Structures are given as structure tokens and as C-alpha cells.
Amino acid sequence: MNKKEINYKVKNLISSGVPRSEVFSQLSGQGLKDGQLAYLIASYADPILCHIHDRKVSFAIALMFIQAAVAFLGSR
């Protein structure tokens, strides 16, 4: 298997709810080094966690813009 096929399988398995350790054990030894496979698994953003923290990230970005505006207006 090449890297693109393994990356596609990793995304499908994690999206379907399979634990990351089981994904690693299923795909280990299929043409990719264990370190590269671990990197592919770890670099995939969990959609559930992204949804949970989406509002927090938006709030932090808005707060940074407000602070930048206050700093800009305060320096005048």
C-alpha cells in the first residue's frame, strides 16, 4: 500500500470511531514505517473535538482583534 491509501484508511477508520491504537495495530506493517504511520494517525484532527472547541477558538480570535484595536486606539 502507498502513503495515500494508508492516509485515506486512517481518516476513514478514525472518522468511524475506531480508537487510534486499534487503527495503528490494523495498519502497521502494510508498507509504511511505524513512525510515519504514527505521525499520520496523530496529525489527523478529530472532528468531534474540533466541533467542541470551535466556539472557544472563535472567541479567542475575537478577543485578540479587540485587544489589537484597543492597543491601536490607545497608542494615538
Protein backbone atom coordinates (compact mmCIF):
# COMPACT_ATOMS: atom_id res chain seq x y z
CA MET A 1 0.00 0.00 0.00
CA ASN A 2 1.20 3.51 -0.67
CA LYS A 3 1.03 6.51 1.61
CA LYS A 4 -2.14 7.98 0.07
CA GLU A 5 -4.11 4.76 0.52
CA ILE A 6 -3.00 4.39 4.12
CA ASN A 7 -3.82 8.05 4.83
CA TYR A 8 -7.30 7.51 3.36
CA LYS A 9 -7.83 4.41 5.53
CA VAL A 10 -6.63 6.27 8.64
CA LYS A 11 -9.15 9.07 8.05
CA ASN A 12 -11.99 6.64 7.41
CA LEU A 13 -11.25 4.49 10.45
CA ILE A 14 -10.86 7.41 12.85
CA SER A 15 -14.00 9.12 11.50
CA SER A 16 -15.97 5.93 12.06
CA GLY A 17 -14.98 5.89 15.73
CA VAL A 18 -12.23 3.27 15.79
CA PRO A 19 -9.68 4.02 18.56
CA ARG A 20 -6.32 5.31 17.37
CA SER A 21 -4.41 2.42 18.94
CA GLU A 22 -6.51 -0.07 17.02
CA VAL A 23 -6.02 1.88 13.78
CA PHE A 24 -2.27 1.65 14.36
CA SER A 25 -2.37 -2.08 15.01
CA GLN A 26 -4.53 -2.70 11.90
CA LEU A 27 -2.34 -0.70 9.52
CA SER A 28 1.06 -1.48 10.99
CA GLY A 29 3.35 -3.38 8.63
CA GLN A 30 1.50 -2.54 5.42
CA GLY A 31 4.24 -0.70 3.57
CA LEU A 32 4.79 2.31 5.81
CA LYS A 33 7.23 2.69 8.68
CA ASP A 34 5.70 2.70 12.15
CA GLY A 35 6.90 6.24 12.81
CA GLN A 36 5.27 7.57 9.65
CA LEU A 37 2.06 5.72 10.42
CA ALA A 38 2.02 7.12 13.95
CA TYR A 39 2.52 10.63 12.52
CA LEU A 40 -0.40 10.17 10.10
CA ILE A 41 -2.66 9.00 12.91
CA ALA A 42 -1.58 11.75 15.32
CA SER A 43 -1.85 14.54 12.74
CA TYR A 44 -5.47 13.78 11.90
CA ALA A 45 -7.74 16.26 13.68
CA ASP A 46 -10.61 14.58 15.50
CA PRO A 47 -13.85 16.07 14.11
CA ILE A 48 -15.67 15.72 17.43
CA LEU A 49 -13.00 17.67 19.30
CA CYS A 50 -12.89 20.30 16.55
CA HIS A 51 -16.63 20.80 16.92
CA ILE A 52 -16.40 21.02 20.71
CA HIS A 53 -13.63 23.65 20.67
CA ASP A 54 -14.84 25.65 17.64
CA ARG A 55 -16.65 28.27 19.72
CA LYS A 56 -13.68 28.66 22.08
CA VAL A 57 -11.29 29.27 19.19
CA SER A 58 -13.65 31.83 17.63
CA PHE A 59 -13.91 33.63 20.99
CA ALA A 60 -10.11 33.72 21.37
CA ILE A 61 -9.68 35.17 17.88
CA ALA A 62 -12.33 37.83 18.52
CA LEU A 63 -10.63 38.73 21.80
CA MET A 64 -7.29 39.15 20.01
CA PHE A 65 -8.87 41.55 17.50
CA ILE A 66 -10.45 43.57 20.31
CA GLN A 67 -7.10 43.79 22.12
CA ALA A 68 -5.36 44.87 18.92
CA ALA A 69 -7.99 47.58 18.33
CA VAL A 70 -7.65 48.85 21.90
CA ALA A 71 -3.86 48.91 21.59
CA PHE A 72 -4.08 50.77 18.27
CA LEU A 73 -6.52 53.36 19.61
CA GLY A 74 -4.61 53.68 22.89
CA SER A 75 -1.33 54.48 21.18
CA ARG A 76 -2.77 57.56 19.44
